Protein backbone atom coordinates (compact mmCIF):
# COMPACT_ATOMS: atom_id res chain seq x y z
CA MET A 1 72.53 38.40 112.97
CA ILE A 2 76.01 38.25 111.46
CA ASP A 3 78.63 35.74 112.60
CA ILE A 4 82.08 36.83 111.45
CA HIS A 5 84.12 33.76 112.47
CA SER A 6 83.27 30.13 111.72
CA HIS A 7 84.69 26.87 110.45
CA ILE A 8 81.77 25.97 108.23
CA LEU A 9 83.63 25.04 105.04
CA PRO A 10 83.69 21.27 104.51
CA GLY A 11 86.83 19.18 104.87
CA VAL A 12 89.40 21.96 105.08
CA ASP A 13 90.29 22.08 108.80
CA ASP A 14 88.98 20.88 112.18
CA GLY A 15 85.50 22.26 111.51
CA ALA A 16 82.84 20.64 109.28
CA GLN A 17 84.23 17.46 107.73
CA SER A 18 81.72 17.06 104.90
CA MET A 19 79.21 19.06 102.89
CA GLU A 20 76.44 17.44 104.94
CA GLU A 21 78.07 18.69 108.13
CA SER A 22 78.40 22.16 106.59
CA VAL A 23 74.69 22.16 105.74
CA GLY A 24 73.93 21.00 109.30
CA MET A 25 75.99 23.88 110.68
CA ALA A 26 74.19 26.28 108.35
CA GLN A 27 70.81 25.05 109.58
CA ALA A 28 71.95 25.41 113.20
CA ALA A 29 73.15 28.95 112.43
CA VAL A 30 69.77 29.89 110.98
CA GLU A 31 68.04 28.49 114.07
CA GLU A 32 70.36 30.68 116.15
CA GLY A 33 69.13 33.74 114.23
CA ILE A 34 72.19 34.09 111.97
CA ASP A 35 71.57 35.09 108.35
CA THR A 36 75.14 35.90 107.29
CA ILE A 37 78.27 33.99 108.28
CA VAL A 38 81.94 34.42 107.42
CA ALA A 39 83.84 31.21 106.68
CA THR A 40 87.27 31.57 108.29
CA PRO A 41 89.25 28.34 107.89
CA HIS A 42 92.59 27.99 109.65
CA HIS A 43 95.68 29.00 107.70
CA GLN A 44 99.33 28.33 108.49
CA ASN A 45 98.66 27.17 112.05
CA GLY A 46 101.06 24.23 111.71
CA GLU A 47 98.26 21.84 110.80
CA TYR A 48 96.17 23.44 108.06
CA ASN A 49 96.80 25.66 105.06
CA ASN A 50 93.88 27.26 103.27
CA TYR A 51 94.81 29.76 100.59
CA LYS A 52 92.74 32.68 99.33
CA HIS A 53 91.93 31.28 95.89
CA ASP A 54 90.79 27.93 97.29
CA ILE A 55 88.59 29.54 99.96
CA LEU A 56 86.82 31.73 97.39
CA ILE A 57 85.96 28.65 95.31
CA GLN A 58 84.80 26.67 98.36
CA VAL A 59 82.61 29.52 99.63
CA SER A 60 80.98 29.84 96.22
CA GLU A 61 80.23 26.11 96.16
CA LEU A 62 78.81 26.12 99.70
CA ASN A 63 76.53 29.04 98.84
CA ARG A 64 75.34 27.13 95.77
CA VAL A 65 74.47 24.07 97.87
CA LEU A 66 72.72 26.14 100.54
CA GLU A 67 70.62 27.87 97.91
CA GLU A 68 69.79 24.49 96.39
CA ARG A 69 68.75 23.15 99.83
CA GLU A 70 66.82 26.36 100.55
CA VAL A 71 68.85 27.18 103.66
CA PRO A 72 68.56 30.98 104.13
CA LEU A 73 72.18 31.66 105.01
CA THR A 74 74.76 33.71 103.09
CA VAL A 75 78.39 32.63 103.46
CA LEU A 76 81.14 35.21 102.99
CA PRO A 77 84.86 34.52 102.50
CA GLY A 78 87.43 34.95 105.24
CA GLN A 79 90.41 33.24 106.83
CA GLU A 80 91.87 32.71 110.31
CA SER A 81 95.59 33.21 109.79
CA ARG A 82 98.12 32.26 112.44
CA ILE A 83 100.46 35.15 113.11
CA SER A 84 103.74 35.03 111.22
CA GLY A 85 106.39 37.52 110.22
CA ASP A 86 105.46 37.29 106.54
CA MET A 87 101.73 38.04 106.81
CA VAL A 88 102.05 41.29 104.85
CA GLU A 89 103.86 39.43 102.09
CA GLY A 90 101.17 36.74 102.21
CA ILE A 91 98.47 39.32 101.54
CA LYS A 92 100.44 40.84 98.68
CA LYS A 93 100.97 37.40 97.13
CA GLU A 94 97.21 36.75 97.47
CA GLU A 95 97.72 33.79 99.78
CA ILE A 96 96.13 35.44 102.82
CA LEU A 97 92.47 36.38 102.49
CA THR A 98 91.07 39.43 104.25
CA ILE A 99 87.53 39.35 105.62
CA ASN A 100 85.10 39.51 102.69
CA GLU A 101 88.06 40.78 100.62
CA GLY A 102 88.02 44.09 102.50
CA HIS A 103 90.77 45.58 104.65
CA TYR A 104 90.25 43.67 107.91
CA VAL A 105 92.52 40.67 108.50
CA PHE A 106 92.19 38.07 111.26
CA VAL A 107 95.32 37.41 113.30
CA GLU A 108 95.48 34.34 115.52
CA PHE A 109 98.06 33.95 118.27
CA PRO A 110 99.27 30.53 119.50
CA HIS A 111 97.06 29.47 122.43
CA ASP A 112 99.83 29.74 125.03
CA GLN A 113 101.80 32.85 124.06
CA VAL A 114 102.05 36.11 122.17
CA PRO A 115 105.13 36.25 119.90
CA ASN A 116 107.63 39.01 120.63
CA TYR A 117 107.27 40.38 117.09
CA ALA A 118 103.48 40.75 117.36
CA SER A 119 103.51 44.50 117.94
CA ASN A 120 105.71 45.12 114.88
CA LEU A 121 103.62 42.81 112.71
CA LEU A 122 100.35 44.49 113.73
CA PHE A 123 101.94 47.88 112.99
CA ASN A 124 103.20 46.74 109.58
CA LEU A 125 99.74 45.50 108.59
CA GLN A 126 98.33 48.94 109.37
CA VAL A 127 101.07 50.71 107.44
CA GLU A 128 100.01 48.66 104.40
CA GLY A 129 96.38 49.72 104.84
CA TYR A 130 95.01 46.64 106.63
CA GLN A 131 93.23 46.53 109.98
CA PRO A 132 94.30 43.59 112.17
CA VAL A 133 91.64 41.86 114.25
CA ILE A 134 93.09 39.69 117.02
CA VAL A 135 90.82 36.66 117.35
CA HIS A 136 89.80 35.09 120.69
CA PRO A 137 92.38 36.90 122.85
CA GLU A 138 90.47 35.79 125.97
CA ARG A 139 91.59 32.20 125.31
CA ASN A 140 95.30 33.03 125.06
CA GLU A 141 97.21 31.99 128.20
CA GLN A 142 99.68 34.89 128.11
CA LEU A 143 96.88 37.44 127.69
CA GLN A 144 94.95 35.83 130.54
CA ASP A 145 98.02 36.42 132.72
CA ASN A 146 98.75 39.87 131.29
CA PRO A 147 95.64 41.37 129.62
CA ASN A 148 97.28 44.78 129.40
CA LEU A 149 99.41 43.41 126.58
CA LEU A 150 96.20 43.46 124.54
CA TYR A 151 95.66 47.05 125.71
CA SER A 152 98.95 48.03 124.07
CA PHE A 153 97.89 46.44 120.76
CA VAL A 154 94.44 48.09 120.78
CA LYS A 155 95.93 51.44 121.80
CA LYS A 156 98.07 51.24 118.65
CA GLY A 157 95.11 50.52 116.36
CA ALA A 158 94.38 46.79 116.44
CA PHE A 159 90.92 45.37 117.17
CA SER A 160 89.86 42.20 118.95
CA GLN A 161 87.12 39.58 118.60
CA VAL A 162 85.85 37.65 121.63
CA THR A 163 84.25 34.22 121.32
CA ALA A 164 80.55 33.84 122.13
CA ALA A 165 81.21 30.51 123.86
CA SER A 166 83.76 32.18 126.15
CA ILE A 167 81.18 34.72 127.29
CA VAL A 168 78.81 31.97 128.43
CA GLY A 169 81.57 29.95 130.08
CA LYS A 170 82.14 27.13 127.58
CA PHE A 171 85.92 27.70 127.51
CA GLY A 172 86.33 27.79 131.28
CA ARG A 173 86.38 30.37 134.04
CA PRO A 174 89.55 32.30 133.03
CA ALA A 175 88.26 32.86 129.48
CA LYS A 176 84.83 33.92 130.75
CA LYS A 177 86.31 36.31 133.29
CA LEU A 178 88.65 37.91 130.75
CA SER A 179 85.86 38.21 128.14
CA HIS A 180 83.82 40.39 130.46
CA GLN A 181 86.88 42.35 131.57
CA LEU A 182 87.75 43.12 127.95
CA ILE A 183 84.20 44.34 127.27
CA GLU A 184 84.35 46.54 130.38
CA ALA A 185 87.73 48.00 129.32
CA ASN A 186 86.71 48.72 125.68
CA LEU A 187 89.17 46.08 124.49
CA ALA A 188 86.58 43.91 122.70
CA HIS A 189 85.14 45.14 119.41
CA LEU A 190 83.47 42.06 117.91
CA ILE A 191 81.67 38.93 119.10
CA ALA A 192 81.67 35.78 116.96
CA SER A 193 81.02 32.08 117.37
CA ASP A 194 84.21 30.42 116.10
CA ALA A 195 81.81 27.52 115.60
CA HIS A 196 83.29 24.19 114.46
CA LYS A 197 80.24 21.93 114.68
CA SER A 198 76.43 22.06 114.68
CA LYS A 199 76.48 20.52 118.17
CA GLY A 200 79.04 20.76 120.94
CA ARG A 201 81.43 23.46 119.74
CA THR A 202 78.62 25.40 118.14
CA PHE A 203 77.38 28.98 117.93
CA TYR A 204 76.19 30.23 121.35
CA MET A 205 75.58 33.66 119.81
CA ARG A 206 72.09 34.13 121.22
CA GLY A 207 73.25 33.15 124.70
CA ALA A 208 76.26 35.44 124.49
CA PHE A 209 74.18 38.46 123.50
CA SER A 210 71.71 37.67 126.29
CA GLU A 211 74.62 37.61 128.76
CA ILE A 212 76.05 40.85 127.35
CA LYS A 213 72.66 42.58 127.65
CA LYS A 214 72.29 41.42 131.25
CA GLN A 215 75.79 42.38 132.38
CA HIS A 216 76.75 45.28 130.11
CA GLY A 217 73.47 46.69 128.77
CA GLN A 218 71.55 46.77 125.51
CA GLU A 219 73.88 49.41 124.06
CA MET A 220 76.73 46.89 124.02
CA VAL A 221 74.54 44.44 122.11
CA HIS A 222 73.96 47.13 119.46
CA PHE A 223 77.67 47.99 119.49
CA PHE A 224 78.76 44.43 118.68
CA SER A 225 75.94 43.85 116.18
CA GLU A 226 76.73 47.02 114.25
CA ASN A 227 80.47 46.32 114.24
CA ALA A 228 79.85 42.93 112.62
CA GLN A 229 78.08 44.74 109.77
CA TYR A 230 80.85 47.33 109.54
CA LEU A 231 83.46 44.56 109.37
CA ILE A 232 81.93 42.73 106.42
CA ASP A 233 81.29 46.06 104.68
CA SER A 234 84.92 47.10 105.31
CA GLU A 235 83.73 50.23 107.12
CA PRO A 236 85.42 51.76 110.21
CA LEU A 237 84.59 49.87 113.39
CA ALA A 238 83.02 51.69 116.31
CA SER A 239 85.34 51.87 119.30
CA GLU A 240 85.81 53.65 122.60
CA PRO A 241 89.19 54.64 124.10
CA PRO A 242 90.76 51.48 125.54
CA GLU A 243 91.35 51.18 129.27
CA HIS A 244 93.60 48.98 131.36
CA VAL A 245 91.95 45.87 132.72
CA LYS A 246 91.25 46.35 136.41
CA LYS A 247 92.65 43.70 138.71
CA LYS A 248 89.50 43.10 140.69
CA LYS A 249 86.37 41.02 140.93
CA VAL A 250 84.29 41.70 137.81
CA LEU A 251 80.51 41.22 137.67
CA GLY A 252 80.59 38.49 140.28
CA ILE A 253 82.98 36.36 138.23
CA PHE A 254 86.18 35.20 139.92
């Protein structure tokens, strides 16, 4: 299993605080069935800055330690960048790191809103040859109120990544409801843990895929699993034509 979003690097953000915690997260990931994980520390979110060059060094060091400890997990470089008007410039200046140095770039919105310039920024990234992936849209308050805003972004070429913990209800009822609505409407393309700890805010990947299989079918499990591989290989993601989220009871979730 591949987990494309995690905060496993030690001491760089609100994830693992030490190398020992990173190793503990790695062991928990392996127990979850994960063999490859992308380290995506926060960048320019008002609290943390983690630049491309530094992340590459830190990922290399973490892989060295995991190999030394015989933990069978491969860590790949990535970054969770808060949306800003100069993201394109940040990539060109080699401050922003794409996922595994390919052409996918994570874009994080503030938790309570979607900036007015988001559509232009997502378009500009694509013009420059990058594919924006909007992370955890189901946890954004404005998108919970107006999920069809995400439809407009996906219709214009963006992708989205839903959090495993949201699918199993760890981020509350609104996030769980929207997660399943986005899957139903072809507005979710990737599932990832966004894990910060080995316990508490951890992986939940196995539980999420079990829930997806039960409510959406085995084909959706394959869809998300294959897209994780495509993402780290910088290959085109599988996708179906997006639909508007239906304003109704979904799968027994209110």
